[in-house]
Amino acid sequence: QVQLVESGGGSVQAGGSLRLSCSVSGYPLDSPSKRFRVGWFRQGPGKAREGVAAIVGDGSTIHADSVKGRFTISLDNAKNNVNLEMNKLKPEDTATYYCAAEVGQFTYVPALPSSAYTYWGQGTQVAVSS
């Protein structure tokens, strides 16, 4: 069973930076088969959940247009984590950020729809003040 735990959320002023980490247990991200997809999502107050970034086993990534050039998703195989580096934060980035994963069956491509993921974490809060 795959379990995901997010960390690194907090409060920051506009223009600041945060790094979110998703700790993955139940599947080794350095597996030779590399059959996994991990994504970051967010849901702001009164907004629908949206995909932010995703990464797959060969290191390919995708980032939403709203965060391109500011956010970067990456793998940390040593810790079995997937990180989201967030720079130049804006008040509209305020949201609960969730980590999600799909593992084991296919050689995946990066994807942002939430329907592409089976396993979800509990979320971590990010608040950006102006």
Protein backbone atom coordinates (compact mmCIF):
# COMPACT_ATOMS: atom_id res chain seq x y z
CA GLN A 1 0.00 0.00 0.00
CA VAL A 2 1.41 3.36 -1.03
CA GLN A 3 1.26 6.13 1.54
CA LEU A 4 2.08 9.79 1.00
CA VAL A 5 2.89 12.42 3.61
CA GLU A 6 3.35 16.08 2.69
CA SER A 7 5.49 18.54 4.63
CA GLY A 8 7.01 21.97 4.25
CA GLY A 9 3.94 24.17 4.15
CA GLY A 10 3.75 27.47 5.97
CA SER A 11 3.19 31.19 5.71
CA VAL A 12 5.33 33.44 3.56
CA GLN A 13 5.19 36.91 2.06
CA ALA A 14 4.69 37.45 -1.64
CA GLY A 15 7.91 36.96 -3.54
CA GLY A 16 9.16 34.41 -1.04
CA SER A 17 9.96 30.72 -1.41
CA LEU A 18 8.95 27.40 0.11
CA ARG A 19 9.89 23.79 -0.58
CA LEU A 20 7.25 21.13 -0.16
CA SER A 21 8.21 17.49 0.25
CA CYS A 22 6.14 14.39 -0.40
CA SER A 23 7.44 11.37 1.49
CA VAL A 24 6.51 8.20 -0.42
CA SER A 25 6.30 4.83 1.34
CA GLY A 26 5.30 1.50 -0.15
CA TYR A 27 7.04 2.04 -3.50
CA PRO A 28 10.73 2.72 -4.16
CA LEU A 29 11.16 5.67 -6.49
CA ASP A 30 14.54 4.26 -7.55
CA SER A 31 12.91 1.01 -8.70
CA PRO A 32 14.51 -0.22 -11.97
CA SER A 33 11.07 -0.48 -13.58
CA LYS A 34 10.43 3.24 -12.89
CA ARG A 35 6.69 2.67 -13.14
CA PHE A 36 5.32 5.58 -11.20
CA ARG A 37 3.82 9.02 -11.54
CA VAL A 38 3.76 11.54 -8.68
CA GLY A 39 1.96 14.84 -8.84
CA TRP A 40 1.35 17.92 -6.76
CA PHE A 41 -2.12 19.45 -6.63
CA ARG A 42 -3.63 22.39 -4.80
CA GLN A 43 -7.02 23.62 -3.73
CA GLY A 44 -7.46 27.22 -2.75
CA PRO A 45 -10.37 28.68 -0.77
CA GLY A 46 -13.53 28.37 -2.85
CA LYS A 47 -11.63 26.92 -5.79
CA ALA A 48 -11.54 23.57 -7.53
CA ARG A 49 -8.54 21.31 -7.10
CA GLU A 50 -5.95 21.88 -9.81
CA GLY A 51 -2.86 20.03 -10.92
CA VAL A 52 0.36 21.94 -10.32
CA ALA A 53 3.17 19.64 -11.45
CA ALA A 54 3.94 15.97 -12.08
CA ILE A 55 6.98 13.76 -12.53
CA VAL A 56 7.43 10.19 -13.77
CA GLY A 57 10.10 7.53 -13.49
CA ASP A 58 12.32 8.69 -16.34
CA GLY A 59 12.42 12.19 -14.86
CA SER A 60 10.02 13.78 -17.33
CA THR A 61 7.96 16.55 -15.82
CA ILE A 62 5.00 18.78 -16.53
CA HIS A 63 4.10 22.07 -14.85
CA ALA A 64 0.85 24.00 -15.01
CA ASP A 65 1.03 27.28 -16.95
CA SER A 66 0.18 29.18 -13.76
CA VAL A 67 3.42 28.04 -12.09
CA LYS A 68 5.86 27.63 -14.99
CA GLY A 69 9.11 29.42 -14.30
CA ARG A 70 8.32 29.64 -10.57
CA PHE A 71 7.73 26.07 -9.35
CA THR A 72 9.91 23.01 -9.99
CA ILE A 73 9.11 19.39 -9.22
CA SER A 74 11.98 16.98 -8.59
CA LEU A 75 12.85 13.52 -7.30
CA ASP A 76 14.96 12.84 -4.21
CA ASN A 77 15.71 9.14 -4.56
CA ALA A 78 17.86 9.07 -1.44
CA LYS A 79 14.86 10.02 0.72
CA ASN A 80 12.16 8.52 -1.53
CA ASN A 81 10.66 11.98 -1.74
CA VAL A 82 9.20 14.16 -4.44
CA ASN A 83 9.85 17.85 -3.83
CA LEU A 84 8.11 20.96 -5.09
CA GLU A 85 10.34 24.03 -5.01
CA MET A 86 8.15 27.14 -5.05
CA ASN A 87 9.69 30.53 -5.80
CA LYS A 88 8.29 34.00 -6.44
CA LEU A 89 5.15 33.05 -4.54
CA LYS A 90 1.99 35.05 -5.09
CA PRO A 91 -1.10 35.47 -2.90
CA GLU A 92 -3.05 33.42 -5.44
CA ASP A 93 -0.77 30.45 -4.65
CA THR A 94 -2.45 30.24 -1.24
CA ALA A 95 -3.96 26.76 -1.01
CA THR A 96 -3.79 23.34 0.53
CA TYR A 97 -1.21 21.39 -1.46
CA TYR A 98 -1.62 17.67 -1.97
CA CYS A 99 0.72 14.98 -3.20
CA ALA A 100 -0.69 12.12 -5.29
CA ALA A 101 0.74 8.98 -6.87
CA GLU A 102 0.02 6.25 -9.37
CA VAL A 103 2.37 3.25 -9.36
CA GLY A 104 3.23 -0.13 -10.71
CA GLN A 105 1.28 -0.95 -13.84
CA PHE A 106 2.57 1.13 -16.72
CA THR A 107 5.38 3.32 -17.96
CA TYR A 108 3.59 6.55 -17.20
CA VAL A 109 3.70 10.00 -18.78
CA PRO A 110 3.35 13.13 -16.67
CA ALA A 111 -0.29 14.11 -16.18
CA LEU A 112 -2.18 16.77 -14.25
CA PRO A 113 -5.80 15.52 -14.12
CA SER A 114 -6.57 14.24 -10.61
CA SER A 115 -8.26 11.19 -12.16
CA ALA A 116 -4.81 9.94 -13.17
CA TYR A 117 -3.91 9.25 -9.54
CA THR A 118 -4.98 6.61 -7.04
CA TYR A 119 -3.09 7.48 -3.87
CA TRP A 120 -3.36 10.83 -2.08
CA GLY A 121 -1.79 12.51 0.91
CA GLN A 122 -3.57 14.59 3.52
CA GLY A 123 -2.25 17.95 2.35
CA THR A 124 -0.13 20.79 3.69
CA GLN A 125 -1.20 24.43 3.94
CA VAL A 126 0.53 27.26 2.11
CA ALA A 127 -0.42 30.86 2.83
CA VAL A 128 1.08 33.75 0.86
CA SER A 129 0.42 37.26 2.12
CA SER A 130 0.69 40.42 0.04
